[in-house]
Amino acid sequence: MLLYNVTIKIDANVHEEWLEWMRNEHIPRVINTGKFTSHRLCRLLHEEEDGHTYAIQYFSKDLETFQRYQKEDALRLQKEHADRFPNKYVAFRTLMEVL
């Protein structure tokens, strides 16, 4: 099992809109690719005045399935996010093995 973690710091002035969009549109689109078995949306407790930080964790059954997501879906979904919230966030992604 692999955990694909996307950490995002979103600007405070679009935070509520972003959170609603993530819950209702973006995360369901990622899950609907069929390449992830489940997800978790976590908020870091340390808040800053200029934004909020979240970790979205997606679980994939194996490396081959995750690589198919990267090849077939990731760029399109990341572009949707970038187009919706231009210059309003920073993000980094990590891939981990669940032991």
PDB file of N, CA and C in Angstrom:
ATOM      1  N   MET A   1       0.853  -1.180   0.000  1.00  0.00           N
ATOM      2  CA  MET A   1       0.000   0.000   0.000  1.00  0.00           C
ATOM      3  C   MET A   1       0.895   1.238   0.000  1.00  0.00           C
ATOM      4  N   LEU A   2       0.543   2.194  -0.850  1.00  0.00           N
ATOM      5  CA  LEU A   2       1.284   3.454  -0.932  1.00  0.00           C
ATOM      6  C   LEU A   2       0.410   4.608  -0.466  1.00  0.00           C
ATOM      7  N   LEU A   3       1.050   5.581   0.128  1.00  0.00           N
ATOM      8  CA  LEU A   3       0.381   6.803   0.556  1.00  0.00           C
ATOM      9  C   LEU A   3       0.959   7.955  -0.250  1.00  0.00           C
ATOM     10  N   TYR A   4       0.112   8.608  -1.003  1.00  0.00           N
ATOM     11  CA  TYR A   4       0.476   9.791  -1.783  1.00  0.00           C
ATOM     12  C   TYR A   4      -0.021  10.995  -0.994  1.00  0.00           C
ATOM     13  N   ASN A   5       0.914  11.766  -0.478  1.00  0.00           N
ATOM     14  CA  ASN A   5       0.587  12.901   0.393  1.00  0.00           C
ATOM     15  C   ASN A   5       0.801  14.203  -0.357  1.00  0.00           C
ATOM     16  N   VAL A   6      -0.239  15.036  -0.390  1.00  0.00           N
ATOM     17  CA  VAL A   6      -0.158  16.361  -0.993  1.00  0.00           C
ATOM     18  C   VAL A   6      -0.341  17.374   0.126  1.00  0.00           C
ATOM     19  N   THR A   7       0.711  18.136   0.412  1.00  0.00           N
ATOM     20  CA  THR A   7       0.642  19.167   1.442  1.00  0.00           C
ATOM     21  C   THR A   7       0.464  20.505   0.743  1.00  0.00           C
ATOM     22  N   ILE A   8      -0.547  21.246   1.169  1.00  0.00           N
ATOM     23  CA  ILE A   8      -0.878  22.520   0.535  1.00  0.00           C
ATOM     24  C   ILE A   8      -1.067  23.589   1.606  1.00  0.00           C
ATOM     25  N   LYS A   9      -0.413  24.725   1.390  1.00  0.00           N
ATOM     26  CA  LYS A   9      -0.693  25.917   2.196  1.00  0.00           C
ATOM     27  C   LYS A   9      -1.502  26.848   1.304  1.00  0.00           C
ATOM     28  N   ILE A  10      -2.728  27.141   1.740  1.00  0.00           N
ATOM     29  CA  ILE A  10      -3.653  27.949   0.959  1.00  0.00           C
ATOM     30  C   ILE A  10      -3.824  29.315   1.627  1.00  0.00           C
ATOM     31  N   ASP A  11      -3.857  30.356   0.823  1.00  0.00           N
ATOM     32  CA  ASP A  11      -4.008  31.713   1.345  1.00  0.00           C
ATOM     33  C   ASP A  11      -5.296  31.847   2.148  1.00  0.00           C
ATOM     34  N   ALA A  12      -5.223  32.627   3.207  1.00  0.00           N
ATOM     35  CA  ALA A  12      -6.366  32.811   4.095  1.00  0.00           C
ATOM     36  C   ALA A  12      -7.571  33.414   3.375  1.00  0.00           C
ATOM     37  N   ASN A  13      -7.340  34.282   2.409  1.00  0.00           N
ATOM     38  CA  ASN A  13      -8.464  34.970   1.755  1.00  0.00           C
ATOM     39  C   ASN A  13      -9.273  34.074   0.817  1.00  0.00           C
ATOM     40  N   VAL A  14      -8.798  32.885   0.479  1.00  0.00           N
ATOM     41  CA  VAL A  14      -9.573  31.950  -0.354  1.00  0.00           C
ATOM     42  C   VAL A  14      -9.769  30.607   0.346  1.00  0.00           C
ATOM     43  N   HIS A  15      -9.404  30.548   1.600  1.00  0.00           N
ATOM     44  CA  HIS A  15      -9.402  29.295   2.348  1.00  0.00           C
ATOM     45  C   HIS A  15     -10.756  28.582   2.334  1.00  0.00           C
ATOM     46  N   GLU A  16     -11.827  29.266   2.667  1.00  0.00           N
ATOM     47  CA  GLU A  16     -13.147  28.624   2.752  1.00  0.00           C
ATOM     48  C   GLU A  16     -13.607  28.110   1.389  1.00  0.00           C
ATOM     49  N   GLU A  17     -13.427  28.911   0.348  1.00  0.00           N
ATOM     50  CA  GLU A  17     -13.789  28.493  -1.014  1.00  0.00           C
ATOM     51  C   GLU A  17     -12.978  27.271  -1.427  1.00  0.00           C
ATOM     52  N   TRP A  18     -11.663  27.300  -1.132  1.00  0.00           N
ATOM     53  CA  TRP A  18     -10.778  26.190  -1.484  1.00  0.00           C
ATOM     54  C   TRP A  18     -11.206  24.903  -0.781  1.00  0.00           C
ATOM     55  N   LEU A  19     -11.478  24.987   0.511  1.00  0.00           N
ATOM     56  CA  LEU A  19     -11.838  23.804   1.282  1.00  0.00           C
ATOM     57  C   LEU A  19     -13.130  23.184   0.750  1.00  0.00           C
ATOM     58  N   GLU A  20     -14.117  23.993   0.440  1.00  0.00           N
ATOM     59  CA  GLU A  20     -15.371  23.491  -0.122  1.00  0.00           C
ATOM     60  C   GLU A  20     -15.117  22.831  -1.485  1.00  0.00           C
ATOM     61  N   TRP A  21     -14.310  23.483  -2.315  1.00  0.00           N
ATOM     62  CA  TRP A  21     -13.997  22.936  -3.637  1.00  0.00           C
ATOM     63  C   TRP A  21     -13.239  21.609  -3.525  1.00  0.00           C
ATOM     64  N   MET A  22     -12.296  21.547  -2.605  1.00  0.00           N
ATOM     65  CA  MET A  22     -11.549  20.299  -2.420  1.00  0.00           C
ATOM     66  C   MET A  22     -12.486  19.168  -2.008  1.00  0.00           C
ATOM     67  N   ARG A  23     -13.331  19.415  -1.026  1.00  0.00           N
ATOM     68  CA  ARG A  23     -14.231  18.374  -0.513  1.00  0.00           C
ATOM     69  C   ARG A  23     -15.259  17.927  -1.551  1.00  0.00           C
ATOM     70  N   ASN A  24     -15.804  18.871  -2.290  1.00  0.00           N
ATOM     71  CA  ASN A  24     -16.934  18.574  -3.169  1.00  0.00           C
ATOM     72  C   ASN A  24     -16.563  18.299  -4.613  1.00  0.00           C
ATOM     73  N   GLU A  25     -15.391  18.746  -5.057  1.00  0.00           N
ATOM     74  CA  GLU A  25     -15.039  18.588  -6.460  1.00  0.00           C
ATOM     75  C   GLU A  25     -13.689  17.900  -6.668  1.00  0.00           C
ATOM     76  N   HIS A  26     -12.623  18.473  -6.141  1.00  0.00           N
ATOM     77  CA  HIS A  26     -11.287  17.965  -6.480  1.00  0.00           C
ATOM     78  C   HIS A  26     -11.025  16.556  -5.929  1.00  0.00           C
ATOM     79  N   ILE A  27     -11.191  16.360  -4.646  1.00  0.00           N
ATOM     80  CA  ILE A  27     -10.918  15.041  -4.060  1.00  0.00           C
ATOM     81  C   ILE A  27     -11.804  13.968  -4.703  1.00  0.00           C
ATOM     82  N   PRO A  28     -13.109  14.212  -4.883  1.00  0.00           N
ATOM     83  CA  PRO A  28     -13.904  13.191  -5.588  1.00  0.00           C
ATOM     84  C   PRO A  28     -13.383  12.886  -6.994  1.00  0.00           C
ATOM     85  N   ARG A  29     -12.890  13.892  -7.716  1.00  0.00           N
ATOM     86  CA  ARG A  29     -12.327  13.634  -9.046  1.00  0.00           C
ATOM     87  C   ARG A  29     -11.090  12.738  -8.961  1.00  0.00           C
ATOM     88  N   VAL A  30     -10.241  12.983  -7.981  1.00  0.00           N
ATOM     89  CA  VAL A  30      -9.049  12.145  -7.801  1.00  0.00           C
ATOM     90  C   VAL A  30      -9.471  10.710  -7.486  1.00  0.00           C
ATOM     91  N   ILE A  31     -10.390  10.542  -6.564  1.00  0.00           N
ATOM     92  CA  ILE A  31     -10.849   9.201  -6.186  1.00  0.00           C
ATOM     93  C   ILE A  31     -11.535   8.517  -7.368  1.00  0.00           C
ATOM     94  N   ASN A  32     -12.282   9.270  -8.157  1.00  0.00           N
ATOM     95  CA  ASN A  32     -12.997   8.694  -9.293  1.00  0.00           C
ATOM     96  C   ASN A  32     -12.086   8.236 -10.430  1.00  0.00           C
ATOM     97  N   THR A  33     -10.795   8.529 -10.360  1.00  0.00           N
ATOM     98  CA  THR A  33      -9.871   7.974 -11.346  1.00  0.00           C
ATOM     99  C   THR A  33      -9.767   6.461 -11.191  1.00  0.00           C
ATOM    100  N   GLY A  34     -10.142   5.957 -10.017  1.00  0.00           N
ATOM    101  CA  GLY A  34     -10.057   4.530  -9.753  1.00  0.00           C
ATOM    102  C   GLY A  34      -8.670   4.073  -9.335  1.00  0.00           C
ATOM    103  N   LYS A  35      -7.759   5.024  -9.138  1.00  0.00           N
ATOM    104  CA  LYS A  35      -6.378   4.658  -8.807  1.00  0.00           C
ATOM    105  C   LYS A  35      -6.075   4.733  -7.315  1.00  0.00           C
ATOM    106  N   PHE A  36      -7.045   5.166  -6.533  1.00  0.00           N
ATOM    107  CA  PHE A  36      -6.868   5.257  -5.082  1.00  0.00           C
ATOM    108  C   PHE A  36      -8.031   4.557  -4.388  1.00  0.00           C
ATOM    109  N   THR A  37      -7.727   3.901  -3.295  1.00  0.00           N
ATOM    110  CA  THR A  37      -8.749   3.155  -2.565  1.00  0.00           C
ATOM    111  C   THR A  37      -9.459   4.004  -1.527  1.00  0.00           C
ATOM    112  N   SER A  38      -8.792   5.034  -1.014  1.00  0.00           N
ATOM    113  CA  SER A  38      -9.384   5.907  -0.003  1.00  0.00           C
ATOM    114  C   SER A  38      -8.530   7.160   0.130  1.00  0.00           C
ATOM    115  N   HIS A  39      -8.991   8.068   0.976  1.00  0.00           N
ATOM    116  CA  HIS A  39      -8.245   9.305   1.210  1.00  0.00           C
ATOM    117  C   HIS A  39      -8.522   9.815   2.627  1.00  0.00           C
ATOM    118  N   ARG A  40      -7.711  10.785   3.030  1.00  0.00           N
ATOM    119  CA  ARG A  40      -7.897  11.519   4.280  1.00  0.00           C
ATOM    120  C   ARG A  40      -7.569  12.979   4.014  1.00  0.00           C
ATOM    121  N   LEU A  41      -8.331  13.862   4.592  1.00  0.00           N
ATOM    122  CA  LEU A  41      -8.058  15.293   4.524  1.00  0.00           C
ATOM    123  C   LEU A  41      -7.729  15.748   5.940  1.00  0.00           C
ATOM    124  N   CYS A  42      -6.514  16.255   6.123  1.00  0.00           N
ATOM    125  CA  CYS A  42      -6.040  16.652   7.451  1.00  0.00           C
ATOM    126  C   CYS A  42      -5.640  18.128   7.433  1.00  0.00           C
ATOM    127  N   ARG A  43      -5.895  18.806   8.542  1.00  0.00           N
ATOM    128  CA  ARG A  43      -5.482  20.201   8.679  1.00  0.00           C
ATOM    129  C   ARG A  43      -4.411  20.283   9.754  1.00  0.00           C
ATOM    130  N   LEU A  44      -3.323  20.973   9.454  1.00  0.00           N
ATOM    131  CA  LEU A  44      -2.288  21.177  10.455  1.00  0.00           C
ATOM    132  C   LEU A  44      -2.824  22.106  11.533  1.00  0.00           C
ATOM    133  N   LEU A  45      -2.541  21.799  12.771  1.00  0.00           N
ATOM    134  CA  LEU A  45      -3.061  22.600  13.880  1.00  0.00           C
ATOM    135  C   LEU A  45      -2.330  23.923  14.032  1.00  0.00           C
ATOM    136  N   HIS A  46      -1.109  23.994  13.571  1.00  0.00           N
ATOM    137  CA  HIS A  46      -0.356  25.249  13.629  1.00  0.00           C
ATOM    138  C   HIS A  46      -0.845  26.158  12.503  1.00  0.00           C
ATOM    139  N   GLU A  47      -1.561  27.217  12.869  1.00  0.00           N
ATOM    140  CA  GLU A  47      -2.088  28.129  11.866  1.00  0.00           C
ATOM    141  C   GLU A  47      -1.235  29.384  11.791  1.00  0.00           C
ATOM    142  N   GLU A  48      -1.169  29.938  10.606  1.00  0.00           N
ATOM    143  CA  GLU A  48      -0.460  31.183  10.389  1.00  0.00           C
ATOM    144  C   GLU A  48      -1.452  32.222   9.908  1.00  0.00           C
ATOM    145  N   GLU A  49      -1.146  33.483  10.093  1.00  0.00           N
ATOM    146  CA  GLU A  49      -2.067  34.550   9.723  1.00  0.00           C
ATOM    147  C   GLU A  49      -2.355  34.590   8.231  1.00  0.00           C
ATOM    148  N   ASP A  50      -1.381  34.223   7.425  1.00  0.00           N
ATOM    149  CA  ASP A  50      -1.535  34.370   5.980  1.00  0.00           C
ATOM    150  C   ASP A  50      -2.101  33.143   5.279  1.00  0.00           C
ATOM    151  N   GLY A  51      -2.367  32.058   6.014  1.00  0.00           N
ATOM    152  CA  GLY A  51      -2.901  30.884   5.352  1.00  0.00           C
ATOM    153  C   GLY A  51      -3.100  29.701   6.269  1.00  0.00           C
ATOM    154  N   HIS A  52      -3.595  28.617   5.683  1.00  0.00           N
ATOM    155  CA  HIS A  52      -3.855  27.374   6.393  1.00  0.00           C
ATOM    156  C   HIS A  52      -3.163  26.248   5.634  1.00  0.00           C
ATOM    157  N   THR A  53      -2.677  25.258   6.372  1.00  0.00           N
ATOM    158  CA  THR A  53      -1.963  24.158   5.746  1.00  0.00           C
ATOM    159  C   THR A  53      -2.731  22.854   5.935  1.00  0.00           C
ATOM    160  N   TYR A  54      -2.840  22.109   4.844  1.00  0.00           N
ATOM    161  CA  TYR A  54      -3.557  20.843   4.814  1.00  0.00           C
ATOM    162  C   TYR A  54      -2.669  19.758   4.229  1.00  0.00           C
ATOM    163  N   ALA A  55      -2.957  18.527   4.624  1.00  0.00           N
ATOM    164  CA  ALA A  55      -2.349  17.352   4.001  1.00  0.00           C
ATOM    165  C   ALA A  55      -3.492  16.488   3.500  1.00  0.00           C
ATOM    166  N   ILE A  56      -3.485  16.239   2.205  1.00  0.00           N
ATOM    167  CA  ILE A  56      -4.470  15.344   1.615  1.00  0.00           C
ATOM    168  C   ILE A  56      -3.737  14.048   1.321  1.00  0.00           C
ATOM    169  N   GLN A  57      -4.213  12.966   1.901  1.00  0.00           N
ATOM    170  CA  GLN A  57      -3.550  11.676   1.788  1.00  0.00           C
ATOM    171  C   GLN A  57      -4.423  10.728   0.973  1.00  0.00           C
ATOM    172  N   TYR A  58      -3.836  10.214  -0.094  1.00  0.00           N
ATOM    173  CA  TYR A  58      -4.528   9.269  -0.976  1.00  0.00           C
ATOM    174  C   TYR A  58      -3.813   7.925  -0.879  1.00  0.00           C
ATOM    175  N   PHE A  59      -4.576   6.843  -0.796  1.00  0.00           N
ATOM    176  CA  PHE A  59      -4.006   5.513  -0.651  1.00  0.00           C
ATOM    177  C   PHE A  59      -4.175   4.733  -1.950  1.00  0.00           C
ATOM    178  N   SER A  60      -3.059   4.200  -2.453  1.00  0.00           N
ATOM    179  CA  SER A  60      -3.046   3.423  -3.684  1.00  0.00           C
ATOM    180  C   SER A  60      -2.537   2.014  -3.381  1.00  0.00           C
ATOM    181  N   LYS A  61      -3.077   1.029  -4.093  1.00  0.00           N
ATOM    182  CA  LYS A  61      -2.734  -0.356  -3.753  1.00  0.00           C
ATOM    183  C   LYS A  61      -1.303  -0.738  -4.098  1.00  0.00           C
ATOM    184  N   ASP A  62      -0.713  -0.106  -5.143  1.00  0.00           N
ATOM    185  CA  ASP A  62       0.658  -0.473  -5.505  1.00  0.00           C
ATOM    186  C   ASP A  62       1.282   0.603  -6.394  1.00  0.00           C
ATOM    187  N   LEU A  63       2.565   0.464  -6.650  1.00  0.00           N
ATOM    188  CA  LEU A  63       3.316   1.453  -7.419  1.00  0.00           C
ATOM    189  C   LEU A  63       2.818   1.545  -8.860  1.00  0.00           C
ATOM    190  N   GLU A  64       2.484   0.422  -9.453  1.00  0.00           N
ATOM    191  CA  GLU A  64       2.005   0.425 -10.839  1.00  0.00           C
ATOM    192  C   GLU A  64       0.730   1.265 -10.973  1.00  0.00           C
ATOM    193  N   THR A  65      -0.188   1.107 -10.043  1.00  0.00           N
ATOM    194  CA  THR A  65      -1.435   1.877 -10.080  1.00  0.00           C
ATOM    195  C   THR A  65      -1.148   3.366  -9.892  1.00  0.00           C
ATOM    196  N   PHE A  66      -0.266   3.692  -8.955  1.00  0.00           N
ATOM    197  CA  PHE A  66       0.078   5.090  -8.738  1.00  0.00           C
ATOM    198  C   PHE A  66       0.746   5.690  -9.976  1.00  0.00           C
ATOM    199  N   GLN A  67       1.627   4.936 -10.606  1.00  0.00           N
ATOM    200  CA  GLN A  67       2.291   5.439 -11.813  1.00  0.00           C
ATOM    201  C   GLN A  67       1.296   5.674 -12.949  1.00  0.00           C
ATOM    202  N   ARG A  68       0.266   4.862 -13.023  1.00  0.00           N
ATOM    203  CA  ARG A  68      -0.801   5.101 -14.011  1.00  0.00           C
ATOM    204  C   ARG A  68      -1.525   6.404 -13.711  1.00  0.00           C
ATOM    205  N   TYR A  69      -1.757   6.683 -12.422  1.00  0.00           N
ATOM    206  CA  TYR A  69      -2.360   7.965 -12.035  1.00  0.00           C
ATOM    207  C   TYR A  69      -1.472   9.122 -12.499  1.00  0.00           C
ATOM    208  N   GLN A  70      -0.181   9.000 -12.245  1.00  0.00           N
ATOM    209  CA  GLN A  70       0.750  10.063 -12.642  1.00  0.00           C
ATOM    210  C   GLN A  70       0.705  10.283 -14.149  1.00  0.00           C
ATOM    211  N   LYS A  71       0.669   9.215 -14.898  1.00  0.00           N
ATOM    212  CA  LYS A  71       0.702   9.298 -16.361  1.00  0.00           C
ATOM    213  C   LYS A  71      -0.630   9.761 -16.952  1.00  0.00           C
ATOM    214  N   GLU A  72      -1.735   9.274 -16.415  1.00  0.00           N
ATOM    215  CA  GLU A  72      -3.043   9.480 -17.032  1.00  0.00           C
ATOM    216  C   GLU A  72      -3.862  10.627 -16.453  1.00  0.00           C
ATOM    217  N   ASP A  73      -3.624  11.005 -15.201  1.00  0.00           N
ATOM    218  CA  ASP A  73      -4.548  11.915 -14.523  1.00  0.00           C
ATOM    219  C   ASP A  73      -3.916  13.108 -13.809  1.00  0.00           C
ATOM    220  N   ALA A  74      -2.721  12.946 -13.282  1.00  0.00           N
ATOM    221  CA  ALA A  74      -2.164  13.926 -12.359  1.00  0.00           C
ATOM    222  C   ALA A  74      -2.046  15.328 -12.955  1.00  0.00           C
ATOM    223  N   LEU A  75      -1.491  15.442 -14.142  1.00  0.00           N
ATOM    224  CA  LEU A  75      -1.283  16.774 -14.711  1.00  0.00           C
ATOM    225  C   LEU A  75      -2.598  17.516 -14.920  1.00  0.00           C
ATOM    226  N   ARG A  76      -3.607  16.826 -15.412  1.00  0.00           N
ATOM    227  CA  ARG A  76      -4.919  17.451 -15.629  1.00  0.00           C
ATOM    228  C   ARG A  76      -5.522  17.944 -14.314  1.00  0.00           C
ATOM    229  N   LEU A  77      -5.480  17.108 -13.287  1.00  0.00           N
ATOM    230  CA  LEU A  77      -6.059  17.473 -12.003  1.00  0.00           C
ATOM    231  C   LEU A  77      -5.267  18.588 -11.320  1.00  0.00           C
ATOM    232  N   GLN A  78      -3.951  18.551 -11.424  1.00  0.00           N
ATOM    233  CA  GLN A  78      -3.133  19.621 -10.857  1.00  0.00           C
ATOM    234  C   GLN A  78      -3.375  20.935 -11.585  1.00  0.00           C
ATOM    235  N   LYS A  79      -3.577  20.880 -12.895  1.00  0.00           N
ATOM    236  CA  LYS A  79      -3.864  22.091 -13.666  1.00  0.00           C
ATOM    237  C   LYS A  79      -5.206  22.692 -13.266  1.00  0.00           C
ATOM    238  N   GLU A  80      -6.214  21.851 -13.035  1.00  0.00           N
ATOM    239  CA  GLU A  80      -7.510  22.350 -12.567  1.00  0.00           C
ATOM    240  C   GLU A  80      -7.337  23.136 -11.274  1.00  0.00           C
ATOM    241  N   HIS A  81      -6.531  22.601 -10.369  1.00  0.00           N
ATOM    242  CA  HIS A  81      -6.271  23.270  -9.088  1.00  0.00           C
ATOM    243  C   HIS A  81      -5.545  24.593  -9.314  1.00  0.00           C
ATOM    244  N   ALA A  82      -4.518  24.558 -10.142  1.00  0.00           N
ATOM    245  CA  ALA A  82      -3.729  25.765 -10.412  1.00  0.00           C
ATOM    246  C   ALA A  82      -4.572  26.843 -11.094  1.00  0.00           C
ATOM    247  N   ASP A  83      -5.432  26.438 -12.014  1.00  0.00           N
ATOM    248  CA  ASP A  83      -6.288  27.400 -12.710  1.00  0.00           C
ATOM    249  C   ASP A  83      -7.344  28.001 -11.783  1.00  0.00           C
ATOM    250  N   ARG A  84      -7.817  27.215 -10.851  1.00  0.00           N
ATOM    251  CA  ARG A  84      -8.869  27.682  -9.926  1.00  0.00           C
ATOM    252  C   ARG A  84      -8.311  28.611  -8.853  1.00  0.00           C
ATOM    253  N   PHE A  85      -7.069  28.370  -8.409  1.00  0.00           N
ATOM    254  CA  PHE A  85      -6.474  29.146  -7.317  1.00  0.00           C
ATOM    255  C   PHE A  85      -5.069  29.636  -7.693  1.00  0.00           C
ATOM    256  N   PRO A  86      -4.949  30.417  -8.765  1.00  0.00           N
ATOM    257  CA  PRO A  86      -3.626  30.857  -9.212  1.00  0.00           C
ATOM    258  C   PRO A  86      -2.940  31.756  -8.174  1.00  0.00           C
ATOM    259  N   ASN A  87      -1.683  31.442  -7.888  1.00  0.00           N
ATOM    260  CA  ASN A  87      -0.859  32.229  -6.969  1.00  0.00           C
ATOM    261  C   ASN A  87      -1.439  32.327  -5.568  1.00  0.00           C
ATOM    262  N   LYS A  88      -2.269  31.360  -5.184  1.00  0.00           N
ATOM    263  CA  LYS A  88      -2.910  31.384  -3.864  1.00  0.00           C
ATOM    264  C   LYS A  88      -2.467  30.227  -2.979  1.00  0.00           C
ATOM    265  N   TYR A  89      -1.508  29.435  -3.433  1.00  0.00           N
ATOM    266  CA  TYR A  89      -1.096  28.274  -2.654  1.00  0.00           C
ATOM    267  C   TYR A  89       0.332  27.869  -3.009  1.00  0.00           C
ATOM    268  N   VAL A  90       0.898  27.084  -2.124  1.00  0.00           N
ATOM    269  CA  VAL A  90       2.128  26.351  -2.406  1.00  0.00           C
ATOM    270  C   VAL A  90       1.837  24.899  -2.051  1.00  0.00           C
ATOM    271  N   ALA A  91       2.425  23.996  -2.816  1.00  0.00           N
ATOM    272  CA  ALA A  91       2.157  22.574  -2.595  1.00  0.00           C
ATOM    273  C   ALA A  91       3.420  21.763  -2.789  1.00  0.00           C
ATOM    274  N   PHE A  92       3.507  20.673  -2.051  1.00  0.00           N
ATOM    275  CA  PHE A  92       4.539  19.686  -2.339  1.00  0.00           C
ATOM    276  C   PHE A  92       3.947  18.310  -2.121  1.00  0.00           C
ATOM    277  N   ARG A  93       4.491  17.364  -2.847  1.00  0.00           N
ATOM    278  CA  ARG A  93       3.952  16.014  -2.868  1.00  0.00           C
ATOM    279  C   ARG A  93       5.021  15.006  -2.467  1.00  0.00           C
ATOM    280  N   THR A  94       4.596  13.989  -1.723  1.00  0.00           N
ATOM    281  CA  THR A  94       5.502  12.912  -1.327  1.00  0.00           C
ATOM    282  C   THR A  94       4.782  11.583  -1.513  1.00  0.00           C
ATOM    283  N   LEU A  95       5.555  10.554  -1.798  1.00  0.00           N
ATOM    284  CA  LEU A  95       5.041   9.210  -1.940  1.00  0.00           C
ATOM    285  C   LEU A  95       5.711   8.350  -0.886  1.00  0.00           C
ATOM    286  N   MET A  96       4.898   7.629  -0.105  1.00  0.00           N
ATOM    287  CA  MET A  96       5.423   6.824   0.990  1.00  0.00           C
ATOM    288  C   MET A  96       4.850   5.413   0.948  1.00  0.00           C
ATOM    289  N   GLU A  97       5.608   4.483   1.444  1.00  0.00           N
ATOM    290  CA  GLU A  97       5.132   3.117   1.588  1.00  0.00           C
ATOM    291  C   GLU A  97       4.513   2.956   2.978  1.00  0.00           C
ATOM    292  N   VAL A  98       3.319   2.392   3.029  1.00  0.00           N
ATOM    293  CA  VAL A  98       2.673   2.107   4.314  1.00  0.00           C
ATOM    294  C   VAL A  98       3.211   0.769   4.783  1.00  0.00           C
ATOM    295  N   LEU A  99       3.797   0.752   5.968  1.00  0.00           N
ATOM    296  CA  LEU A  99       4.388  -0.480   6.524  1.00  0.00           C
ATOM    297  C   LEU A  99       3.431  -1.180   7.479  1.00  0.00           C
TER     298      LEU A  99
END
